[in-house]
């Protein structure tokens, strides 16, 4: 993400949705049955990416779909798959 006036946009929407739902990191920890608040802080800051299982638990705990929590990554991957589909001439049922 580009920096604008010293501001680095977050790499995901975890913190934004957590705050919108009025959840503390501690609340999410309890809901996900995790022990370390640093895990969630690392995910929010983009230092680490959760496993699939933890991403799904996070989605359930926050009440937001995984692809929305990681919208930038999801859109990038969807574009890559779409371009590959066209390049390989593979049709899809939702065209």
Protein backbone atom coordinates (compact mmCIF):
# COMPACT_ATOMS: atom_id res chain seq x y z
CA UNK A 1 0.00 0.00 0.00
CA UNK A 2 1.30 3.48 -0.79
CA UNK A 3 2.08 5.92 1.99
CA UNK A 4 0.23 9.23 1.95
CA UNK A 5 1.58 11.96 4.23
CA UNK A 6 3.25 9.39 6.45
CA UNK A 7 0.11 7.27 6.77
CA UNK A 8 0.35 3.60 5.87
CA UNK A 9 -3.05 2.10 5.13
CA UNK A 10 -3.71 -1.19 6.92
CA UNK A 11 -3.21 -4.31 4.79
CA UNK A 12 -6.59 -5.69 5.87
CA UNK A 13 -9.86 -4.69 7.52
CA UNK A 14 -9.58 -6.74 10.72
CA UNK A 15 -9.09 -3.84 13.13
CA UNK A 16 -11.74 -1.69 11.44
CA UNK A 17 -14.44 -4.39 11.66
CA UNK A 18 -13.36 -5.41 15.18
CA UNK A 19 -13.74 -1.80 16.34
CA UNK A 20 -17.01 -1.38 14.43
CA UNK A 21 -18.38 -4.40 16.30
CA UNK A 22 -17.10 -2.89 19.57
CA UNK A 23 -14.90 -5.90 20.24
CA UNK A 24 -11.65 -5.72 22.15
CA UNK A 25 -8.71 -7.90 21.17
CA UNK A 26 -9.35 -9.80 24.40
CA UNK A 27 -12.95 -10.50 23.28
CA UNK A 28 -11.74 -11.91 19.97
CA UNK A 29 -9.13 -14.02 21.78
CA UNK A 30 -11.80 -15.59 23.97
CA UNK A 31 -14.14 -16.22 21.03
CA UNK A 32 -11.32 -17.82 19.02
CA UNK A 33 -9.90 -19.77 21.99
CA UNK A 34 -6.45 -18.21 21.50
CA UNK A 35 -4.01 -17.28 24.23
CA UNK A 36 -1.81 -14.54 22.77
CA UNK A 37 -3.13 -11.05 21.94
CA UNK A 38 -0.01 -10.48 19.85
CA UNK A 39 -1.36 -12.94 17.26
CA UNK A 40 -4.31 -10.69 16.49
CA UNK A 41 -2.16 -7.55 16.64
CA UNK A 42 0.22 -9.10 14.07
CA UNK A 43 -2.71 -9.96 11.81
CA UNK A 44 -4.20 -6.47 12.12
CA UNK A 45 -0.86 -4.85 11.24
CA UNK A 46 -0.21 -7.26 8.37
CA UNK A 47 2.96 -8.67 9.94
CA UNK A 48 1.50 -12.18 9.74
CA UNK A 49 -1.38 -13.85 7.96
CA UNK A 50 -3.67 -16.20 9.90
CA UNK A 51 -3.99 -19.83 8.94
CA UNK A 52 -7.16 -20.76 7.10
CA UNK A 53 -8.65 -22.15 10.31
CA UNK A 54 -7.83 -18.96 12.23
CA UNK A 55 -9.08 -16.75 9.38
CA UNK A 56 -12.41 -18.60 9.46
CA UNK A 57 -12.60 -18.36 13.26
CA UNK A 58 -11.76 -14.65 13.03
CA UNK A 59 -14.52 -14.20 10.48
CA UNK A 60 -17.01 -15.92 12.78
CA UNK A 61 -15.82 -13.99 15.86
CA UNK A 62 -16.01 -10.59 14.17
CA UNK A 63 -19.07 -11.39 12.09
CA UNK A 64 -17.56 -10.48 8.75
CA UNK A 65 -16.72 -12.67 5.71
CA UNK A 66 -13.04 -13.56 5.26
CA UNK A 67 -12.93 -12.01 1.79
CA UNK A 68 -14.10 -8.71 3.28
CA UNK A 69 -11.55 -8.81 6.12
CA UNK A 70 -8.81 -9.31 3.51
CA UNK A 71 -10.44 -7.41 0.63
CA UNK A 72 -7.23 -6.13 -1.01
CA UNK A 73 -5.67 -9.59 -1.06
CA UNK A 74 -8.95 -11.17 -2.21
CA UNK A 75 -9.36 -8.73 -5.11
CA UNK A 76 -5.76 -9.25 -6.21
CA UNK A 77 -6.13 -13.03 -6.15
CA UNK A 78 -9.52 -12.90 -7.90
CA UNK A 79 -7.96 -10.79 -10.67
CA UNK A 80 -5.07 -13.26 -11.07
CA UNK A 81 -7.49 -16.19 -11.33
CA UNK A 82 -9.69 -14.31 -13.81
CA UNK A 83 -6.70 -13.46 -16.01
CA UNK A 84 -5.51 -17.07 -15.89
CA UNK A 85 -9.04 -18.27 -16.76
CA UNK A 86 -9.02 -16.05 -19.86
CA UNK A 87 -5.46 -17.01 -20.82
CA UNK A 88 -6.23 -20.73 -20.48
CA UNK A 89 -9.66 -20.38 -22.09
CA UNK A 90 -11.46 -21.94 -19.13
CA UNK A 91 -15.09 -21.00 -18.86
CA UNK A 92 -16.98 -20.64 -15.64
CA UNK A 93 -20.59 -21.11 -14.69
CA UNK A 94 -20.88 -17.55 -13.34
CA UNK A 95 -19.79 -15.61 -16.43
